[in-house]
Amino acid sequence: MNRRRRAIGFGVGDSVPLEGSTLTVLLLGFLTTLGFMLYAGEPSKSTWWLFFVPFAGWAGAPYAITGLAVRRSAASRASQVVLLLTAIALTGFGCSMLYTAFVTHIDAQSGIVFVFLPVYQLMGLVPLLLIAQHLARRASR
């Protein structure tokens, strides 16, 4: 049993840096989101940037919240595993929705995805972040 637990990352003294991996996945998700915003927008117009900044902050909120949770639960290995899986799901869902909206199903209303996607991502994050928080508290006892 101990070998099995060590193989999936729960053993004592594991060398896999989950925190760095999770933050890298989150950064890639956020940069992909920004890339789609630049692709879909009109960055050549100076007035476009006035709207880009607040929407980029809104679109990055789920990634930032997850990143803060990663930093807060660095001591709990089980919590870090849950947060890594959360980051992968968050990034995968976000990238697939953006790809669908702007590449496979091009529509004049595709830009609205930047308003609603963070809402859906945050709704999915809440239960997973609560699980990670519970595991971190349990490990600190």
N, C-alpha and C. Protein backbone atom coordinates (compact mmCIF):
# COMPACT_ATOMS: atom_id res chain seq x y z
N MET A 1 0.82 -1.20 0.00
CA MET A 1 0.00 0.00 0.00
C MET A 1 0.86 1.26 0.00
N ASN A 2 1.97 1.22 0.76
CA ASN A 2 2.83 2.38 0.84
C ASN A 2 3.46 2.71 -0.51
N ARG A 3 3.87 1.67 -1.26
CA ARG A 3 4.42 1.90 -2.59
C ARG A 3 3.40 2.53 -3.52
N ARG A 4 2.17 2.04 -3.44
CA ARG A 4 1.12 2.57 -4.29
C ARG A 4 0.87 4.04 -3.97
N ARG A 5 0.80 4.36 -2.69
CA ARG A 5 0.57 5.76 -2.30
C ARG A 5 1.73 6.63 -2.75
N ARG A 6 2.93 6.14 -2.65
CA ARG A 6 4.10 6.92 -3.07
C ARG A 6 4.08 7.13 -4.59
N ALA A 7 3.61 6.14 -5.33
CA ALA A 7 3.60 6.24 -6.80
C ALA A 7 2.63 7.30 -7.30
N ILE A 8 1.56 7.55 -6.56
CA ILE A 8 0.62 8.57 -7.03
C ILE A 8 0.84 9.91 -6.35
N GLY A 9 1.91 10.04 -5.57
CA GLY A 9 2.28 11.33 -5.05
C GLY A 9 1.87 11.64 -3.62
N PHE A 10 1.54 10.65 -2.82
CA PHE A 10 1.13 10.91 -1.45
C PHE A 10 2.17 10.48 -0.43
N GLY A 11 3.30 9.99 -0.87
CA GLY A 11 4.30 9.52 0.08
C GLY A 11 5.07 10.66 0.70
N VAL A 12 5.71 10.39 1.82
CA VAL A 12 6.53 11.39 2.49
C VAL A 12 7.82 11.57 1.71
N GLY A 13 8.24 12.81 1.52
CA GLY A 13 9.49 13.09 0.85
C GLY A 13 9.42 13.04 -0.67
N ASP A 14 8.26 13.18 -1.23
CA ASP A 14 8.15 13.18 -2.69
C ASP A 14 8.86 14.40 -3.25
N SER A 15 9.45 14.25 -4.42
CA SER A 15 10.21 15.35 -5.01
C SER A 15 9.46 16.08 -6.11
N VAL A 16 8.23 15.70 -6.37
CA VAL A 16 7.47 16.35 -7.43
C VAL A 16 6.93 17.67 -6.89
N PRO A 17 7.33 18.79 -7.50
CA PRO A 17 6.88 20.09 -7.00
C PRO A 17 5.47 20.41 -7.52
N LEU A 18 4.48 20.00 -6.77
CA LEU A 18 3.10 20.19 -7.22
C LEU A 18 2.71 21.66 -7.27
N GLU A 19 3.20 22.45 -6.34
CA GLU A 19 2.84 23.86 -6.32
C GLU A 19 3.29 24.56 -7.61
N GLY A 20 4.52 24.31 -8.02
CA GLY A 20 5.02 24.91 -9.25
C GLY A 20 4.29 24.41 -10.48
N SER A 21 3.96 23.13 -10.49
CA SER A 21 3.22 22.57 -11.62
C SER A 21 1.82 23.18 -11.72
N THR A 22 1.17 23.34 -10.57
CA THR A 22 -0.17 23.90 -10.55
C THR A 22 -0.14 25.35 -11.02
N LEU A 23 0.81 26.12 -10.53
CA LEU A 23 0.91 27.52 -10.94
C LEU A 23 1.24 27.65 -12.42
N THR A 24 2.02 26.72 -12.95
CA THR A 24 2.34 26.73 -14.38
C THR A 24 1.10 26.45 -15.22
N VAL A 25 0.29 25.48 -14.81
CA VAL A 25 -0.96 25.18 -15.52
C VAL A 25 -1.88 26.41 -15.48
N LEU A 26 -1.98 27.04 -14.33
CA LEU A 26 -2.83 28.23 -14.22
C LEU A 26 -2.33 29.37 -15.09
N LEU A 27 -1.02 29.57 -15.13
CA LEU A 27 -0.45 30.62 -15.98
C LEU A 27 -0.71 30.33 -17.45
N LEU A 28 -0.56 29.08 -17.86
CA LEU A 28 -0.84 28.72 -19.25
C LEU A 28 -2.31 28.96 -19.60
N GLY A 29 -3.21 28.64 -18.67
CA GLY A 29 -4.63 28.89 -18.90
C GLY A 29 -4.92 30.37 -19.05
N PHE A 30 -4.33 31.18 -18.18
CA PHE A 30 -4.56 32.62 -18.25
C PHE A 30 -3.97 33.22 -19.52
N LEU A 31 -2.76 32.78 -19.90
CA LEU A 31 -2.15 33.30 -21.13
C LEU A 31 -2.94 32.88 -22.36
N THR A 32 -3.49 31.68 -22.35
CA THR A 32 -4.33 31.24 -23.46
C THR A 32 -5.59 32.09 -23.54
N THR A 33 -6.18 32.40 -22.40
CA THR A 33 -7.35 33.27 -22.37
C THR A 33 -7.01 34.64 -22.94
N LEU A 34 -5.88 35.21 -22.51
CA LEU A 34 -5.46 36.50 -23.05
C LEU A 34 -5.22 36.43 -24.56
N GLY A 35 -4.64 35.31 -25.00
CA GLY A 35 -4.42 35.13 -26.43
C GLY A 35 -5.71 35.13 -27.22
N PHE A 36 -6.72 34.45 -26.71
CA PHE A 36 -8.02 34.45 -27.38
C PHE A 36 -8.66 35.84 -27.34
N MET A 37 -8.44 36.57 -26.26
CA MET A 37 -8.97 37.94 -26.20
C MET A 37 -8.32 38.82 -27.26
N LEU A 38 -7.03 38.68 -27.43
CA LEU A 38 -6.33 39.46 -28.45
C LEU A 38 -6.74 39.02 -29.85
N TYR A 39 -6.94 37.73 -30.03
CA TYR A 39 -7.37 37.19 -31.32
C TYR A 39 -8.76 37.69 -31.69
N ALA A 40 -9.65 37.72 -30.73
CA ALA A 40 -11.04 38.08 -31.00
C ALA A 40 -11.26 39.59 -31.02
N GLY A 41 -10.38 40.33 -30.40
CA GLY A 41 -10.58 41.77 -30.28
C GLY A 41 -9.94 42.56 -31.40
N GLU A 42 -9.86 43.84 -31.16
CA GLU A 42 -9.24 44.76 -32.12
C GLU A 42 -8.14 45.55 -31.41
N PRO A 43 -7.02 44.90 -31.14
CA PRO A 43 -5.97 45.58 -30.38
C PRO A 43 -5.31 46.75 -31.11
N SER A 44 -5.58 46.90 -32.39
CA SER A 44 -5.00 48.03 -33.12
C SER A 44 -5.68 49.35 -32.76
N LYS A 45 -6.87 49.29 -32.18
CA LYS A 45 -7.58 50.50 -31.76
C LYS A 45 -7.22 50.81 -30.31
N SER A 46 -6.90 52.05 -30.05
CA SER A 46 -6.48 52.43 -28.70
C SER A 46 -7.63 52.34 -27.70
N THR A 47 -8.86 52.59 -28.13
CA THR A 47 -9.99 52.52 -27.20
C THR A 47 -10.30 51.08 -26.79
N TRP A 48 -9.90 50.12 -27.59
CA TRP A 48 -10.14 48.71 -27.27
C TRP A 48 -9.43 48.33 -25.98
N TRP A 49 -8.25 48.90 -25.75
CA TRP A 49 -7.46 48.56 -24.57
C TRP A 49 -8.14 49.01 -23.28
N LEU A 50 -8.99 50.03 -23.36
CA LEU A 50 -9.73 50.47 -22.17
C LEU A 50 -10.68 49.39 -21.67
N PHE A 51 -11.22 48.61 -22.58
CA PHE A 51 -12.12 47.52 -22.21
C PHE A 51 -11.37 46.21 -21.98
N PHE A 52 -10.22 46.08 -22.61
CA PHE A 52 -9.44 44.86 -22.48
C PHE A 52 -8.97 44.64 -21.04
N VAL A 53 -8.49 45.70 -20.42
CA VAL A 53 -7.91 45.57 -19.08
C VAL A 53 -8.93 45.05 -18.05
N PRO A 54 -10.15 45.65 -17.95
CA PRO A 54 -11.09 45.08 -16.97
C PRO A 54 -11.57 43.68 -17.34
N PHE A 55 -11.75 43.41 -18.63
CA PHE A 55 -12.18 42.06 -19.02
C PHE A 55 -11.06 41.04 -18.79
N ALA A 56 -9.82 41.44 -18.97
CA ALA A 56 -8.71 40.53 -18.68
C ALA A 56 -8.65 40.21 -17.20
N GLY A 57 -8.91 41.20 -16.36
CA GLY A 57 -8.97 40.96 -14.92
C GLY A 57 -10.10 40.01 -14.55
N TRP A 58 -11.25 40.21 -15.16
CA TRP A 58 -12.40 39.34 -14.90
C TRP A 58 -12.12 37.93 -15.40
N ALA A 59 -11.55 37.81 -16.59
CA ALA A 59 -11.26 36.49 -17.16
C ALA A 59 -10.17 35.77 -16.36
N GLY A 60 -9.29 36.54 -15.73
CA GLY A 60 -8.21 35.94 -14.96
C GLY A 60 -8.56 35.64 -13.51
N ALA A 61 -9.72 36.10 -13.06
CA ALA A 61 -10.11 35.91 -11.66
C ALA A 61 -10.11 34.44 -11.21
N PRO A 62 -10.69 33.52 -11.99
CA PRO A 62 -10.65 32.12 -11.52
C PRO A 62 -9.23 31.57 -11.39
N TYR A 63 -8.34 31.99 -12.29
CA TYR A 63 -6.95 31.53 -12.23
C TYR A 63 -6.25 32.14 -11.02
N ALA A 64 -6.51 33.41 -10.75
CA ALA A 64 -5.89 34.09 -9.61
C ALA A 64 -6.38 33.50 -8.29
N ILE A 65 -7.67 33.24 -8.18
CA ILE A 65 -8.22 32.67 -6.96
C ILE A 65 -7.64 31.29 -6.70
N THR A 66 -7.52 30.50 -7.74
CA THR A 66 -6.92 29.17 -7.58
C THR A 66 -5.44 29.29 -7.20
N GLY A 67 -4.75 30.24 -7.81
CA GLY A 67 -3.35 30.47 -7.46
C GLY A 67 -3.17 30.86 -6.01
N LEU A 68 -4.06 31.69 -5.50
CA LEU A 68 -4.00 32.06 -4.08
C LEU A 68 -4.25 30.84 -3.19
N ALA A 69 -5.17 30.00 -3.59
CA ALA A 69 -5.44 28.79 -2.82
C ALA A 69 -4.22 27.87 -2.81
N VAL A 70 -3.51 27.81 -3.92
CA VAL A 70 -2.30 26.98 -4.01
C VAL A 70 -1.26 27.50 -3.03
N ARG A 71 -1.07 28.80 -2.98
CA ARG A 71 -0.08 29.38 -2.09
C ARG A 71 -0.44 29.19 -0.62
N ARG A 72 -1.72 29.20 -0.31
CA ARG A 72 -2.17 29.08 1.08
C ARG A 72 -2.10 27.65 1.59
N SER A 73 -2.19 26.67 0.72
CA SER A 73 -2.22 25.28 1.19
C SER A 73 -0.97 24.52 0.80
N ALA A 74 0.15 25.20 0.80
CA ALA A 74 1.40 24.57 0.37
C ALA A 74 1.85 23.43 1.28
N ALA A 75 1.41 23.41 2.52
CA ALA A 75 1.87 22.39 3.47
C ALA A 75 1.15 21.05 3.30
N SER A 76 -0.01 21.06 2.69
CA SER A 76 -0.80 19.83 2.57
C SER A 76 -0.62 19.21 1.19
N ARG A 77 -0.06 18.02 1.17
CA ARG A 77 0.18 17.32 -0.10
C ARG A 77 -1.14 16.92 -0.78
N ALA A 78 -2.10 16.42 -0.02
CA ALA A 78 -3.38 16.02 -0.58
C ALA A 78 -4.12 17.22 -1.16
N SER A 79 -4.05 18.34 -0.46
CA SER A 79 -4.67 19.56 -0.96
C SER A 79 -4.01 20.02 -2.25
N GLN A 80 -2.69 19.88 -2.34
CA GLN A 80 -1.97 20.27 -3.55
C GLN A 80 -2.37 19.40 -4.74
N VAL A 81 -2.60 18.12 -4.50
CA VAL A 81 -3.04 17.23 -5.57
C VAL A 81 -4.42 17.66 -6.07
N VAL A 82 -5.33 17.95 -5.14
CA VAL A 82 -6.67 18.41 -5.52
C VAL A 82 -6.58 19.72 -6.30
N LEU A 83 -5.72 20.61 -5.86
CA LEU A 83 -5.58 21.90 -6.56
C LEU A 83 -4.94 21.74 -7.94
N LEU A 84 -4.03 20.80 -8.09
CA LEU A 84 -3.46 20.54 -9.42
C LEU A 84 -4.54 20.02 -10.36
N LEU A 85 -5.34 19.07 -9.88
CA LEU A 85 -6.43 18.55 -10.71
C LEU A 85 -7.46 19.64 -11.00
N THR A 86 -7.70 20.52 -10.04
CA THR A 86 -8.60 21.65 -10.25
C THR A 86 -8.05 22.59 -11.32
N ALA A 87 -6.77 22.87 -11.27
CA ALA A 87 -6.15 23.76 -12.25
C ALA A 87 -6.22 23.15 -13.66
N ILE A 88 -6.00 21.85 -13.74
CA ILE A 88 -6.08 21.18 -15.04
C ILE A 88 -7.50 21.24 -15.58
N ALA A 89 -8.48 20.98 -14.72
CA ALA A 89 -9.89 21.04 -15.15
C ALA A 89 -10.28 22.47 -15.53
N LEU A 90 -9.88 23.44 -14.73
CA LEU A 90 -10.19 24.84 -14.99
C LEU A 90 -9.61 25.29 -16.33
N THR A 91 -8.35 24.99 -16.54
CA THR A 91 -7.69 25.39 -17.78
C THR A 91 -8.26 24.64 -18.97
N GLY A 92 -8.48 23.35 -18.82
CA GLY A 92 -9.04 22.56 -19.93
C GLY A 92 -10.42 23.03 -20.32
N PHE A 93 -11.28 23.26 -19.33
CA PHE A 93 -12.63 23.74 -19.62
C PHE A 93 -12.59 25.12 -20.28
N GLY A 94 -11.79 26.01 -19.72
CA GLY A 94 -11.71 27.36 -20.28
C GLY A 94 -11.18 27.37 -21.71
N CYS A 95 -10.12 26.64 -21.95
CA CYS A 95 -9.54 26.59 -23.30
C CYS A 95 -10.48 25.93 -24.29
N SER A 96 -11.16 24.88 -23.87
CA SER A 96 -12.08 24.22 -24.80
C SER A 96 -13.27 25.11 -25.13
N MET A 97 -13.78 25.86 -24.16
CA MET A 97 -14.90 26.77 -24.43
C MET A 97 -14.47 27.91 -25.34
N LEU A 98 -13.27 28.44 -25.11
CA LEU A 98 -12.78 29.52 -25.97
C LEU A 98 -12.52 29.02 -27.39
N TYR A 99 -11.95 27.84 -27.50
CA TYR A 99 -11.71 27.26 -28.82
C TYR A 99 -13.03 27.04 -29.56
N THR A 100 -14.01 26.52 -28.84
CA THR A 100 -15.33 26.29 -29.45
C THR A 100 -15.95 27.60 -29.90
N ALA A 101 -15.86 28.63 -29.07
CA ALA A 101 -16.51 29.91 -29.38
C ALA A 101 -15.83 30.66 -30.52
N PHE A 102 -14.50 30.56 -30.62
CA PHE A 102 -13.79 31.40 -31.58
C PHE A 102 -13.18 30.67 -32.76
N VAL A 103 -13.17 29.34 -32.74
CA VAL A 103 -12.58 28.60 -33.85
C VAL A 103 -13.59 27.69 -34.53
N THR A 104 -14.28 26.87 -33.76
CA THR A 104 -15.17 25.91 -34.40
C THR A 104 -16.57 26.44 -34.68
N HIS A 105 -17.09 27.30 -33.81
CA HIS A 105 -18.44 27.86 -34.00
C HIS A 105 -18.38 29.37 -33.98
N ILE A 106 -17.84 29.95 -35.02
CA ILE A 106 -17.66 31.40 -35.08
C ILE A 106 -19.03 32.05 -35.21
N ASP A 107 -19.27 33.03 -34.34
CA ASP A 107 -20.54 33.73 -34.32
C ASP A 107 -20.29 35.17 -33.90
N ALA A 108 -21.17 36.07 -34.26
CA ALA A 108 -21.01 37.47 -33.89
C ALA A 108 -21.09 37.66 -32.37
N GLN A 109 -21.79 36.78 -31.68
CA GLN A 109 -21.92 36.89 -30.23
C GLN A 109 -20.89 36.07 -29.46
N SER A 110 -19.87 35.59 -30.10
CA SER A 110 -18.88 34.76 -29.42
C SER A 110 -18.14 35.51 -28.31
N GLY A 111 -18.03 36.81 -28.43
CA GLY A 111 -17.33 37.60 -27.43
C GLY A 111 -17.97 37.56 -26.05
N ILE A 112 -19.24 37.22 -26.00
CA ILE A 112 -19.95 37.15 -24.72
C ILE A 112 -19.39 36.04 -23.83
N VAL A 113 -18.62 35.13 -24.43
CA VAL A 113 -18.02 34.05 -23.65
C VAL A 113 -17.08 34.62 -22.58
N PHE A 114 -16.48 35.78 -22.83
CA PHE A 114 -15.58 36.37 -21.85
C PHE A 114 -16.32 36.91 -20.63
N VAL A 115 -17.62 37.11 -20.76
CA VAL A 115 -18.43 37.56 -19.63
C VAL A 115 -18.87 36.37 -18.79
N PHE A 116 -19.33 35.32 -19.46
CA PHE A 116 -19.94 34.20 -18.74
C PHE A 116 -18.98 33.07 -18.38
N LEU A 117 -17.91 32.89 -19.12
CA LEU A 117 -16.97 31.80 -18.82
C LEU A 117 -16.40 31.89 -17.40
N PRO A 118 -15.96 33.07 -16.94
CA PRO A 118 -15.47 33.12 -15.55
C PRO A 118 -16.54 32.77 -14.51
N VAL A 119 -17.80 33.08 -14.80
CA VAL A 119 -18.87 32.72 -13.88
C VAL A 119 -18.96 31.20 -13.77
N TYR A 120 -18.96 30.52 -14.91
CA TYR A 120 -19.02 29.05 -14.89
C TYR A 120 -17.78 28.45 -14.24
N GLN A 121 -16.62 29.04 -14.51
CA GLN A 121 -15.40 28.53 -13.91
C GLN A 121 -15.44 28.70 -12.39
N LEU A 122 -15.91 29.84 -11.93
CA LEU A 122 -15.98 30.08 -10.48
C LEU A 122 -16.99 29.15 -9.82
N MET A 123 -18.10 28.88 -10.50
CA MET A 123 -19.09 27.95 -9.95
C MET A 123 -18.49 26.55 -9.79
N GLY A 124 -17.67 26.14 -10.74
CA GLY A 124 -17.01 24.84 -10.63
C GLY A 124 -15.88 24.83 -9.61
N LEU A 125 -15.26 26.00 -9.41
CA LEU A 125 -14.15 26.09 -8.47
C LEU A 125 -14.57 25.97 -7.02
N VAL A 126 -15.71 26.53 -6.68
CA VAL A 126 -16.11 26.63 -5.27
C VAL A 126 -16.07 25.27 -4.56
N PRO A 127 -16.73 24.23 -5.07
CA PRO A 127 -16.67 22.97 -4.32
C PRO A 127 -15.27 22.37 -4.28
N LEU A 128 -14.51 22.52 -5.35
CA LEU A 128 -13.16 21.95 -5.36
C LEU A 128 -12.23 22.69 -4.41
N LEU A 129 -12.36 24.01 -4.33
CA LEU A 129 -11.55 24.77 -3.39
C LEU A 129 -11.94 24.47 -1.95
N LEU A 130 -13.21 24.22 -1.71
CA LEU A 130 -13.64 23.84 -0.36
C LEU A 130 -13.06 22.48 0.04
N ILE A 131 -13.00 21.56 -0.91
CA ILE A 131 -12.40 20.25 -0.63
C ILE A 131 -10.91 20.42 -0.32
N ALA A 132 -10.22 21.23 -1.12
CA ALA A 132 -8.80 21.46 -0.89
C ALA A 132 -8.56 22.13 0.46
N GLN A 133 -9.42 23.07 0.82
CA GLN A 133 -9.29 23.74 2.11
C GLN A 133 -9.50 22.75 3.26
N HIS A 134 -10.49 21.89 3.11
CA HIS A 134 -10.76 20.88 4.13
C HIS A 134 -9.55 19.95 4.30
N LEU A 135 -8.97 19.53 3.20
CA LEU A 135 -7.80 18.64 3.27
C LEU A 135 -6.61 19.35 3.90
N ALA A 136 -6.44 20.63 3.60
CA ALA A 136 -5.33 21.38 4.20
C ALA A 136 -5.52 21.53 5.71
N ARG A 137 -6.74 21.82 6.13
CA ARG A 137 -7.00 21.93 7.57
C ARG A 137 -6.81 20.60 8.28
N ARG A 138 -7.25 19.52 7.64
CA ARG A 138 -7.12 18.20 8.23
C ARG A 138 -5.65 17.81 8.37
N ALA A 139 -4.84 18.21 7.39
CA ALA A 139 -3.41 17.87 7.46
C ALA A 139 -2.68 18.68 8.52
N SER A 140 -3.19 19.88 8.83
CA SER A 140 -2.51 20.72 9.82
C SER A 140 -2.84 20.34 11.26
N ARG A 141 -3.78 19.45 11.45
CA ARG A 141 -4.16 19.04 12.83
C ARG A 141 -3.16 18.11 13.41
